[in-house]
Amino acid sequence: WNADPVTGGAPGDSFQVVDRLSDGWGMEAHMTSPVSGRTAT
């Protein structure tokens, strides 16, 4: 979760996920509050 913009990088009020392991599992994040339905996968 990145609260504030990073110069030359990530935007503020944003989130992302990373899958680092080749194990057949993926990663998914869900914002539950204040806004539901926001997903990174």
PDB file of all heavy atoms in Angstrom:
ATOM      1  N   TRP A   1       0.874  -1.176   0.000  1.00  0.00           N
ATOM      2  CA  TRP A   1       0.000   0.000   0.000  1.00  0.00           C
ATOM      3  C   TRP A   1       0.906   1.219   0.000  1.00  0.00           C
ATOM      4  O   TRP A   1       1.798   1.350   0.834  1.00  0.00           O
ATOM      5  CB  TRP A   1      -0.906   0.015   1.226  1.00  0.00           C
ATOM      6  CG  TRP A   1      -1.565   1.354   1.451  1.00  0.00           C
ATOM      7  CD1 TRP A   1      -1.256   2.275   2.415  1.00  0.00           C
ATOM      8  CD2 TRP A   1      -2.637   1.925   0.693  1.00  0.00           C
ATOM      9  NE1 TRP A   1      -2.060   3.374   2.302  1.00  0.00           N
ATOM     10  CE2 TRP A   1      -2.918   3.191   1.246  1.00  0.00           C
ATOM     11  CE3 TRP A   1      -3.374   1.502  -0.403  1.00  0.00           C
ATOM     12  CZ2 TRP A   1      -3.916   4.021   0.744  1.00  0.00           C
ATOM     13  CZ3 TRP A   1      -4.363   2.335  -0.906  1.00  0.00           C
ATOM     14  CH2 TRP A   1      -4.629   3.580  -0.332  1.00  0.00           C
ATOM     15  N   ASN A   2       0.687   2.100  -0.956  1.00  0.00           N
ATOM     16  CA  ASN A   2       1.479   3.311  -1.084  1.00  0.00           C
ATOM     17  C   ASN A   2       0.576   4.511  -0.812  1.00  0.00           C
ATOM     18  O   ASN A   2      -0.266   4.858  -1.632  1.00  0.00           O
ATOM     19  CB  ASN A   2       2.077   3.392  -2.499  1.00  0.00           C
ATOM     20  CG  ASN A   2       3.162   4.412  -2.590  1.00  0.00           C
ATOM     21  OD1 ASN A   2       4.031   4.459  -1.737  1.00  0.00           O
ATOM     22  ND2 ASN A   2       3.118   5.230  -3.624  1.00  0.00           N
ATOM     23  N   ALA A   3       0.751   5.130   0.362  1.00  0.00           N
ATOM     24  CA  ALA A   3      -0.114   6.236   0.764  1.00  0.00           C
ATOM     25  C   ALA A   3       0.130   7.502  -0.050  1.00  0.00           C
ATOM     26  O   ALA A   3      -0.811   8.205  -0.416  1.00  0.00           O
ATOM     27  CB  ALA A   3       0.072   6.526   2.252  1.00  0.00           C
ATOM     28  N   ASP A   4       1.389   7.806  -0.320  1.00  0.00           N
ATOM     29  CA  ASP A   4       1.753   9.034  -1.028  1.00  0.00           C
ATOM     30  C   ASP A   4       2.532   8.696  -2.290  1.00  0.00           C
ATOM     31  O   ASP A   4       3.237   7.682  -2.343  1.00  0.00           O
ATOM     32  CB  ASP A   4       2.610   9.930  -0.124  1.00  0.00           C
ATOM     33  CG  ASP A   4       1.853  10.413   1.103  1.00  0.00           C
ATOM     34  OD1 ASP A   4       0.645  10.695   0.979  1.00  0.00           O
ATOM     35  OD2 ASP A   4       2.459  10.499   2.186  1.00  0.00           O
ATOM     36  N   PRO A   5       2.448   9.568  -3.317  1.00  0.00           N
ATOM     37  CA  PRO A   5       3.195   9.308  -4.552  1.00  0.00           C
ATOM     38  C   PRO A   5       4.700   9.255  -4.286  1.00  0.00           C
ATOM     39  O   PRO A   5       5.214   9.944  -3.407  1.00  0.00           O
ATOM     40  CB  PRO A   5       2.862  10.506  -5.441  1.00  0.00           C
ATOM     41  CG  PRO A   5       1.694  11.182  -4.818  1.00  0.00           C
ATOM     42  CD  PRO A   5       1.697  10.808  -3.371  1.00  0.00           C
ATOM     43  N   VAL A   6       5.376   8.425  -5.048  1.00  0.00           N
ATOM     44  CA  VAL A   6       6.833   8.336  -4.986  1.00  0.00           C
ATOM     45  C   VAL A   6       7.360   8.934  -6.284  1.00  0.00           C
ATOM     46  O   VAL A   6       6.924   8.546  -7.372  1.00  0.00           O
ATOM     47  CB  VAL A   6       7.282   6.854  -4.856  1.00  0.00           C
ATOM     48  CG1 VAL A   6       8.795   6.748  -4.899  1.00  0.00           C
ATOM     49  CG2 VAL A   6       6.721   6.240  -3.587  1.00  0.00           C
ATOM     50  N   THR A   7       8.285   9.885  -6.187  1.00  0.00           N
ATOM     51  CA  THR A   7       8.827  10.536  -7.373  1.00  0.00           C
ATOM     52  C   THR A   7       9.388   9.487  -8.328  1.00  0.00           C
ATOM     53  O   THR A   7      10.240   8.680  -7.945  1.00  0.00           O
ATOM     54  CB  THR A   7       9.936  11.535  -6.979  1.00  0.00           C
ATOM     55  OG1 THR A   7       9.397  12.464  -6.052  1.00  0.00           O
ATOM     56  CG2 THR A   7      10.463  12.261  -8.200  1.00  0.00           C
ATOM     57  N   GLY A   8       8.880   9.500  -9.554  1.00  0.00           N
ATOM     58  CA  GLY A   8       9.339   8.562 -10.567  1.00  0.00           C
ATOM     59  C   GLY A   8       8.900   7.129 -10.307  1.00  0.00           C
ATOM     60  O   GLY A   8       9.408   6.205 -10.929  1.00  0.00           O
ATOM     61  N   GLY A   9       7.941   6.940  -9.393  1.00  0.00           N
ATOM     62  CA  GLY A   9       7.538   5.574  -9.053  1.00  0.00           C
ATOM     63  C   GLY A   9       6.044   5.415  -8.900  1.00  0.00           C
ATOM     64  O   GLY A   9       5.261   5.855  -9.739  1.00  0.00           O
ATOM     65  N   ALA A  10       5.655   4.835  -7.791  1.00  0.00           N
ATOM     66  CA  ALA A  10       4.269   4.456  -7.549  1.00  0.00           C
ATOM     67  C   ALA A  10       3.378   5.663  -7.260  1.00  0.00           C
ATOM     68  O   ALA A  10       3.799   6.622  -6.624  1.00  0.00           O
ATOM     69  CB  ALA A  10       4.201   3.497  -6.371  1.00  0.00           C
ATOM     70  N   PRO A  11       2.118   5.606  -7.715  1.00  0.00           N
ATOM     71  CA  PRO A  11       1.159   6.657  -7.385  1.00  0.00           C
ATOM     72  C   PRO A  11       0.715   6.543  -5.926  1.00  0.00           C
ATOM     73  O   PRO A  11       0.873   5.498  -5.294  1.00  0.00           O
ATOM     74  CB  PRO A  11      -0.010   6.378  -8.335  1.00  0.00           C
ATOM     75  CG  PRO A  11       0.086   4.923  -8.653  1.00  0.00           C
ATOM     76  CD  PRO A  11       1.541   4.567  -8.565  1.00  0.00           C
ATOM     77  N   GLY A  12       0.149   7.605  -5.396  1.00  0.00           N
ATOM     78  CA  GLY A  12      -0.380   7.581  -4.035  1.00  0.00           C
ATOM     79  C   GLY A  12      -1.746   6.925  -3.984  1.00  0.00           C
ATOM     80  O   GLY A  12      -2.397   6.716  -5.007  1.00  0.00           O
ATOM     81  N   ASP A  13      -2.171   6.597  -2.755  1.00  0.00           N
ATOM     82  CA  ASP A  13      -3.467   5.942  -2.526  1.00  0.00           C
ATOM     83  C   ASP A  13      -3.634   4.736  -3.448  1.00  0.00           C
ATOM     84  O   ASP A  13      -4.670   4.537  -4.086  1.00  0.00           O
ATOM     85  CB  ASP A  13      -4.630   6.912  -2.733  1.00  0.00           C
ATOM     86  CG  ASP A  13      -4.582   8.098  -1.783  1.00  0.00           C
ATOM     87  OD1 ASP A  13      -3.926   7.990  -0.725  1.00  0.00           O
ATOM     88  OD2 ASP A  13      -5.183   9.136  -2.094  1.00  0.00           O
ATOM     89  N   SER A  14      -2.592   3.913  -3.530  1.00  0.00           N
ATOM     90  CA  SER A  14      -2.591   2.788  -4.462  1.00  0.00           C
ATOM     91  C   SER A  14      -1.972   1.545  -3.825  1.00  0.00           C
ATOM     92  O   SER A  14      -1.211   1.638  -2.866  1.00  0.00           O
ATOM     93  CB  SER A  14      -1.818   3.155  -5.725  1.00  0.00           C
ATOM     94  OG  SER A  14      -0.468   3.431  -5.412  1.00  0.00           O
ATOM     95  N   PHE A  15      -2.338   0.389  -4.380  1.00  0.00           N
ATOM     96  CA  PHE A  15      -1.721  -0.850  -3.932  1.00  0.00           C
ATOM     97  C   PHE A  15      -1.516  -1.796  -5.095  1.00  0.00           C
ATOM     98  O   PHE A  15      -2.182  -1.702  -6.124  1.00  0.00           O
ATOM     99  CB  PHE A  15      -2.507  -1.514  -2.800  1.00  0.00           C
ATOM    100  CG  PHE A  15      -3.915  -1.954  -3.151  1.00  0.00           C
ATOM    101  CD1 PHE A  15      -4.196  -3.287  -3.435  1.00  0.00           C
ATOM    102  CD2 PHE A  15      -4.969  -1.049  -3.164  1.00  0.00           C
ATOM    103  CE1 PHE A  15      -5.488  -3.699  -3.727  1.00  0.00           C
ATOM    104  CE2 PHE A  15      -6.258  -1.454  -3.456  1.00  0.00           C
ATOM    105  CZ  PHE A  15      -6.526  -2.781  -3.746  1.00  0.00           C
ATOM    106  N   GLN A  16      -0.557  -2.699  -4.928  1.00  0.00           N
ATOM    107  CA  GLN A  16      -0.272  -3.715  -5.923  1.00  0.00           C
ATOM    108  C   GLN A  16       0.189  -4.982  -5.209  1.00  0.00           C
ATOM    109  O   GLN A  16       0.519  -4.949  -4.026  1.00  0.00           O
ATOM    110  CB  GLN A  16       0.777  -3.267  -6.943  1.00  0.00           C
ATOM    111  CG  GLN A  16       2.175  -3.308  -6.447  1.00  0.00           C
ATOM    112  CD  GLN A  16       3.232  -3.031  -7.534  1.00  0.00           C
ATOM    113  OE1 GLN A  16       4.344  -2.832  -7.170  1.00  0.00           O
ATOM    114  NE2 GLN A  16       2.916  -2.996  -8.806  1.00  0.00           N
ATOM    115  N   VAL A  17       0.184  -6.090  -5.940  1.00  0.00           N
ATOM    116  CA  VAL A  17       0.686  -7.352  -5.409  1.00  0.00           C
ATOM    117  C   VAL A  17       1.798  -7.868  -6.305  1.00  0.00           C
ATOM    118  O   VAL A  17       1.889  -7.499  -7.475  1.00  0.00           O
ATOM    119  CB  VAL A  17      -0.421  -8.430  -5.274  1.00  0.00           C
ATOM    120  CG1 VAL A  17      -1.421  -8.065  -4.207  1.00  0.00           C
ATOM    121  CG2 VAL A  17      -1.104  -8.688  -6.604  1.00  0.00           C
ATOM    122  N   VAL A  18       2.633  -8.717  -5.720  1.00  0.00           N
ATOM    123  CA  VAL A  18       3.674  -9.402  -6.471  1.00  0.00           C
ATOM    124  C   VAL A  18       3.639 -10.875  -6.093  1.00  0.00           C
ATOM    125  O   VAL A  18       3.457 -11.217  -4.929  1.00  0.00           O
ATOM    126  CB  VAL A  18       5.083  -8.805  -6.220  1.00  0.00           C
ATOM    127  CG1 VAL A  18       5.468  -8.886  -4.749  1.00  0.00           C
ATOM    128  CG2 VAL A  18       6.139  -9.496  -7.076  1.00  0.00           C
ATOM    129  N   ASP A  19       3.761 -11.722  -7.114  1.00  0.00           N
ATOM    130  CA  ASP A  19       3.903 -13.163  -6.918  1.00  0.00           C
ATOM    131  C   ASP A  19       5.372 -13.470  -7.200  1.00  0.00           C
ATOM    132  O   ASP A  19       5.832 -13.292  -8.322  1.00  0.00           O
ATOM    133  CB  ASP A  19       2.985 -13.912  -7.883  1.00  0.00           C
ATOM    134  CG  ASP A  19       3.075 -15.425  -7.731  1.00  0.00           C
ATOM    135  OD1 ASP A  19       3.769 -15.911  -6.818  1.00  0.00           O
ATOM    136  OD2 ASP A  19       2.441 -16.120  -8.541  1.00  0.00           O
ATOM    137  N   ARG A  20       6.108 -13.930  -6.188  1.00  0.00           N
ATOM    138  CA  ARG A  20       7.545 -14.146  -6.307  1.00  0.00           C
ATOM    139  C   ARG A  20       7.939 -15.613  -6.436  1.00  0.00           C
ATOM    140  O   ARG A  20       9.082 -15.901  -6.752  1.00  0.00           O
ATOM    141  CB  ARG A  20       8.260 -13.576  -5.076  1.00  0.00           C
ATOM    142  CG  ARG A  20       7.993 -12.131  -4.783  1.00  0.00           C
ATOM    143  CD  ARG A  20       8.881 -11.174  -5.460  1.00  0.00           C
ATOM    144  NE  ARG A  20      10.269 -11.550  -5.333  1.00  0.00           N
ATOM    145  CZ  ARG A  20      11.201 -11.174  -6.180  1.00  0.00           C
ATOM    146  NH1 ARG A  20      10.892 -10.413  -7.185  1.00  0.00           N
ATOM    147  NH2 ARG A  20      12.447 -11.540  -6.028  1.00  0.00           N
ATOM    148  N   LEU A  21       7.020 -16.524  -6.158  1.00  0.00           N
ATOM    149  CA  LEU A  21       7.376 -17.931  -6.060  1.00  0.00           C
ATOM    150  C   LEU A  21       6.630 -18.764  -7.095  1.00  0.00           C
ATOM    151  O   LEU A  21       5.401 -18.702  -7.175  1.00  0.00           O
ATOM    152  CB  LEU A  21       7.045 -18.425  -4.640  1.00  0.00           C
ATOM    153  CG  LEU A  21       7.571 -19.769  -4.197  1.00  0.00           C
ATOM    154  CD1 LEU A  21       9.100 -19.800  -4.223  1.00  0.00           C
ATOM    155  CD2 LEU A  21       7.090 -20.057  -2.775  1.00  0.00           C
ATOM    156  N   SER A  22       7.347 -19.530  -7.874  1.00  0.00           N
ATOM    157  CA  SER A  22       6.728 -20.395  -8.886  1.00  0.00           C
ATOM    158  C   SER A  22       6.250 -21.686  -8.224  1.00  0.00           C
ATOM    159  O   SER A  22       6.830 -22.755  -8.406  1.00  0.00           O
ATOM    160  CB  SER A  22       7.739 -20.712  -9.994  1.00  0.00           C
ATOM    161  OG  SER A  22       8.085 -19.550 -10.682  1.00  0.00           O
ATOM    162  N   ASP A  23       5.165 -21.567  -7.445  1.00  0.00           N
ATOM    163  CA  ASP A  23       4.625 -22.702  -6.695  1.00  0.00           C
ATOM    164  C   ASP A  23       3.203 -23.050  -7.108  1.00  0.00           C
ATOM    165  O   ASP A  23       2.556 -23.883  -6.489  1.00  0.00           O
ATOM    166  CB  ASP A  23       4.674 -22.412  -5.191  1.00  0.00           C
ATOM    167  CG  ASP A  23       3.900 -21.159  -4.810  1.00  0.00           C
ATOM    168  OD1 ASP A  23       3.358 -20.478  -5.711  1.00  0.00           O
ATOM    169  OD2 ASP A  23       3.842 -20.855  -3.608  1.00  0.00           O
ATOM    170  N   GLY A  24       2.701 -22.385  -8.162  1.00  0.00           N
ATOM    171  CA  GLY A  24       1.339 -22.633  -8.619  1.00  0.00           C
ATOM    172  C   GLY A  24       0.300 -21.765  -7.931  1.00  0.00           C
ATOM    173  O   GLY A  24      -0.860 -21.768  -8.311  1.00  0.00           O
ATOM    174  N   TRP A  25       0.696 -21.034  -6.887  1.00  0.00           N
ATOM    175  CA  TRP A  25      -0.209 -20.129  -6.175  1.00  0.00           C
ATOM    176  C   TRP A  25      -0.002 -18.709  -6.693  1.00  0.00           C
ATOM    177  O   TRP A  25       1.113 -18.326  -7.025  1.00  0.00           O
ATOM    178  CB  TRP A  25       0.079 -20.147  -4.675  1.00  0.00           C
ATOM    179  CG  TRP A  25      -0.300 -21.424  -3.996  1.00  0.00           C
ATOM    180  CD1 TRP A  25       0.423 -22.577  -3.964  1.00  0.00           C
ATOM    181  CD2 TRP A  25      -1.486 -21.681  -3.247  1.00  0.00           C
ATOM    182  NE1 TRP A  25      -0.234 -23.538  -3.250  1.00  0.00           N
ATOM    183  CE2 TRP A  25      -1.421 -23.013  -2.795  1.00  0.00           C
ATOM    184  CE3 TRP A  25      -2.600 -20.926  -2.923  1.00  0.00           C
ATOM    185  CZ2 TRP A  25      -2.419 -23.602  -2.036  1.00  0.00           C
ATOM    186  CZ3 TRP A  25      -3.595 -21.508  -2.160  1.00  0.00           C
ATOM    187  CH2 TRP A  25      -3.505 -22.823  -1.725  1.00  0.00           C
ATOM    188  N   GLY A  26      -1.073 -17.923  -6.753  1.00  0.00           N
ATOM    189  CA  GLY A  26      -1.002 -16.521  -7.136  1.00  0.00           C
ATOM    190  C   GLY A  26      -1.323 -15.643  -5.942  1.00  0.00           C
ATOM    191  O   GLY A  26      -1.682 -16.132  -4.869  1.00  0.00           O
ATOM    192  N   MET A  27      -1.205 -14.333  -6.111  1.00  0.00           N
ATOM    193  CA  MET A  27      -1.481 -13.364  -5.050  1.00  0.00           C
ATOM    194  C   MET A  27      -2.604 -12.429  -5.474  1.00  0.00           C
ATOM    195  O   MET A  27      -2.684 -12.033  -6.647  1.00  0.00           O
ATOM    196  CB  MET A  27      -0.241 -12.509  -4.753  1.00  0.00           C
ATOM    197  CG  MET A  27       0.945 -13.262  -4.200  1.00  0.00           C
ATOM    198  SD  MET A  27       0.658 -13.739  -2.506  1.00  0.00           S
ATOM    199  CE  MET A  27       1.041 -15.468  -2.608  1.00  0.00           C
ATOM    200  N   GLU A  28      -3.462 -12.093  -4.514  1.00  0.00           N
ATOM    201  CA  GLU A  28      -4.560 -11.172  -4.772  1.00  0.00           C
ATOM    202  C   GLU A  28      -4.831 -10.377  -3.502  1.00  0.00           C
ATOM    203  O   GLU A  28      -4.890 -10.953  -2.422  1.00  0.00           O
ATOM    204  CB  GLU A  28      -5.793 -11.963  -5.189  1.00  0.00           C
ATOM    205  CG  GLU A  28      -6.909 -11.115  -5.743  1.00  0.00           C
ATOM    206  CD  GLU A  28      -7.921 -11.954  -6.485  1.00  0.00           C
ATOM    207  OE1 GLU A  28      -8.864 -12.447  -5.843  1.00  0.00           O
ATOM    208  OE2 GLU A  28      -7.748 -12.136  -7.714  1.00  0.00           O
ATOM    209  N   ALA A  29      -4.978  -9.066  -3.643  1.00  0.00           N
ATOM    210  CA  ALA A  29      -5.281  -8.206  -2.499  1.00  0.00           C
ATOM    211  C   ALA A  29      -6.625  -7.530  -2.720  1.00  0.00           C
ATOM    212  O   ALA A  29      -6.966  -7.145  -3.845  1.00  0.00           O
ATOM    213  CB  ALA A  29      -4.193  -7.153  -2.311  1.00  0.00           C
ATOM    214  N   HIS A  30      -7.374  -7.409  -1.614  1.00  0.00           N
ATOM    215  CA  HIS A  30      -8.698  -6.782  -1.650  1.00  0.00           C
ATOM    216  C   HIS A  30      -8.751  -5.674  -0.611  1.00  0.00           C
ATOM    217  O   HIS A  30      -8.446  -5.915   0.559  1.00  0.00           O
ATOM    218  CB  HIS A  30      -9.794  -7.805  -1.308  1.00  0.00           C
ATOM    219  CG  HIS A  30      -9.731  -9.043  -2.122  1.00  0.00           C
ATOM    220  ND1 HIS A  30     -10.251  -9.111  -3.392  1.00  0.00           N
ATOM    221  CD2 HIS A  30      -9.195 -10.257  -1.867  1.00  0.00           C
ATOM    222  CE1 HIS A  30     -10.036 -10.326  -3.869  1.00  0.00           C
ATOM    223  NE2 HIS A  30      -9.403 -11.036  -2.968  1.00  0.00           N
ATOM    224  N   MET A  31      -9.126  -4.481  -1.039  1.00  0.00           N
ATOM    225  CA  MET A  31      -9.394  -3.421  -0.075  1.00  0.00           C
ATOM    226  C   MET A  31     -10.773  -3.699   0.506  1.00  0.00           C
ATOM    227  O   MET A  31     -11.740  -3.862  -0.240  1.00  0.00           O
ATOM    228  CB  MET A  31      -9.348  -2.036  -0.716  1.00  0.00           C
ATOM    229  CG  MET A  31      -9.629  -0.913   0.275  1.00  0.00           C
ATOM    230  SD  MET A  31      -9.500   0.744  -0.447  1.00  0.00           S
ATOM    231  CE  MET A  31      -7.723   0.965  -0.415  1.00  0.00           C
ATOM    232  N   THR A  32     -10.862  -3.770   1.824  1.00  0.00           N
ATOM    233  CA  THR A  32     -12.148  -4.045   2.464  1.00  0.00           C
ATOM    234  C   THR A  32     -12.808  -2.777   2.988  1.00  0.00           C
ATOM    235  O   THR A  32     -14.008  -2.760   3.211  1.00  0.00           O
ATOM    236  CB  THR A  32     -11.988  -5.054   3.614  1.00  0.00           C
ATOM    237  OG1 THR A  32     -11.095  -4.517   4.589  1.00  0.00           O
ATOM    238  CG2 THR A  32     -11.434  -6.387   3.088  1.00  0.00           C
ATOM    239  N   SER A  33     -12.007  -1.716   3.195  1.00  0.00           N
ATOM    240  CA  SER A  33     -12.534  -0.435   3.666  1.00  0.00           C
ATOM    241  C   SER A  33     -11.502   0.647   3.387  1.00  0.00           C
ATOM    242  O   SER A  33     -10.310   0.374   3.478  1.00  0.00           O
ATOM    243  CB  SER A  33     -12.823  -0.515   5.166  1.00  0.00           C
ATOM    244  OG  SER A  33     -13.313   0.697   5.658  1.00  0.00           O
ATOM    245  N   PRO A  34     -11.879   1.848   3.031  1.00  0.00           N
ATOM    246  CA  PRO A  34     -13.209   2.425   2.980  1.00  0.00           C
ATOM    247  C   PRO A  34     -13.961   2.114   1.694  1.00  0.00           C
ATOM    248  O   PRO A  34     -15.151   2.391   1.584  1.00  0.00           O
ATOM    249  CB  PRO A  34     -12.939   3.920   3.085  1.00  0.00           C
ATOM    250  CG  PRO A  34     -11.647   4.107   2.368  1.00  0.00           C
ATOM    251  CD  PRO A  34     -10.858   2.854   2.692  1.00  0.00           C
ATOM    252  N   VAL A  35     -13.272   1.551   0.694  1.00  0.00           N
ATOM    253  CA  VAL A  35     -13.904   1.245  -0.588  1.00  0.00           C
ATOM    254  C   VAL A  35     -13.753  -0.250  -0.826  1.00  0.00           C
ATOM    255  O   VAL A  35     -12.634  -0.749  -0.915  1.00  0.00           O
ATOM    256  CB  VAL A  35     -13.222   2.014  -1.748  1.00  0.00           C
ATOM    257  CG1 VAL A  35     -13.891   1.688  -3.069  1.00  0.00           C
ATOM    258  CG2 VAL A  35     -13.214   3.500  -1.484  1.00  0.00           C
ATOM    259  N   SER A  36     -14.846  -0.976  -0.906  1.00  0.00           N
ATOM    260  CA  SER A  36     -14.740  -2.402  -1.216  1.00  0.00           C
ATOM    261  C   SER A  36     -14.749  -2.577  -2.727  1.00  0.00           C
ATOM    262  O   SER A  36     -15.177  -1.700  -3.460  1.00  0.00           O
ATOM    263  CB  SER A  36     -15.875  -3.185  -0.559  1.00  0.00           C
ATOM    264  OG  SER A  36     -17.116  -2.749  -1.067  1.00  0.00           O
ATOM    265  N   GLY A  37     -14.239  -3.703  -3.181  1.00  0.00           N
ATOM    266  CA  GLY A  37     -14.235  -3.973  -4.608  1.00  0.00           C
ATOM    267  C   GLY A  37     -12.940  -3.612  -5.306  1.00  0.00           C
ATOM    268  O   GLY A  37     -12.742  -3.984  -6.460  1.00  0.00           O
ATOM    269  N   ARG A  38     -12.046  -2.900  -4.627  1.00  0.00           N
ATOM    270  CA  ARG A  38     -10.743  -2.601  -5.229  1.00  0.00           C
ATOM    271  C   ARG A  38      -9.866  -3.833  -5.067  1.00  0.00           C
ATOM    272  O   ARG A  38      -9.682  -4.340  -3.967  1.00  0.00           O
ATOM    273  CB  ARG A  38     -10.085  -1.394  -4.575  1.00  0.00           C
ATOM    274  CG  ARG A  38     -10.705  -0.080  -4.971  1.00  0.00           C
ATOM    275  CD  ARG A  38     -10.016   1.110  -4.349  1.00  0.00           C
ATOM    276  NE  ARG A  38      -8.615   1.232  -4.761  1.00  0.00           N
ATOM    277  CZ  ARG A  38      -7.798   2.175  -4.297  1.00  0.00           C
ATOM    278  NH1 ARG A  38      -8.216   3.059  -3.404  1.00  0.00           N
ATOM    279  NH2 ARG A  38      -6.546   2.225  -4.708  1.00  0.00           N
ATOM    280  N   THR A  39      -9.293  -4.327  -6.169  1.00  0.00           N
ATOM    281  CA  THR A  39      -8.502  -5.554  -6.159  1.00  0.00           C
ATOM    282  C   THR A  39      -7.255  -5.383  -7.016  1.00  0.00           C
ATOM    283  O   THR A  39      -7.296  -4.747  -8.060  1.00  0.00           O
ATOM    284  CB  THR A  39      -9.338  -6.721  -6.719  1.00  0.00           C
ATOM    285  OG1 THR A  39     -10.490  -6.893  -5.897  1.00  0.00           O
ATOM    286  CG2 THR A  39      -8.563  -8.017  -6.752  1.00  0.00           C
ATOM    287  N   ALA A  40      -6.165  -5.976  -6.553  1.00  0.00           N
ATOM    288  CA  ALA A  40      -4.945  -6.118  -7.353  1.00  0.00           C
ATOM    289  C   ALA A  40      -4.655  -7.613  -7.394  1.00  0.00           C
ATOM    290  O   ALA A  40      -4.713  -8.278  -6.361  1.00  0.00           O
ATOM    291  CB  ALA A  40      -3.789  -5.355  -6.716  1.00  0.00           C
ATOM    292  N   THR A  41      -4.337  -8.144  -8.576  1.00  0.00           N
ATOM    293  CA  THR A  41      -4.191  -9.596  -8.691  1.00  0.00           C
ATOM    294  C   THR A  41      -3.108  -9.989  -9.685  1.00  0.00           C
ATOM    295  O   THR A  41      -2.787  -9.232 -10.599  1.00  0.00           O
ATOM    296  CB  THR A  41      -5.533 -10.244  -9.104  1.00  0.00           C
ATOM    297  OG1 THR A  41      -5.403 -11.662  -9.078  1.00  0.00           O
ATOM    298  CG2 THR A  41      -5.992  -9.783 -10.468  1.00  0.00           C
TER     299      THR A  41
END
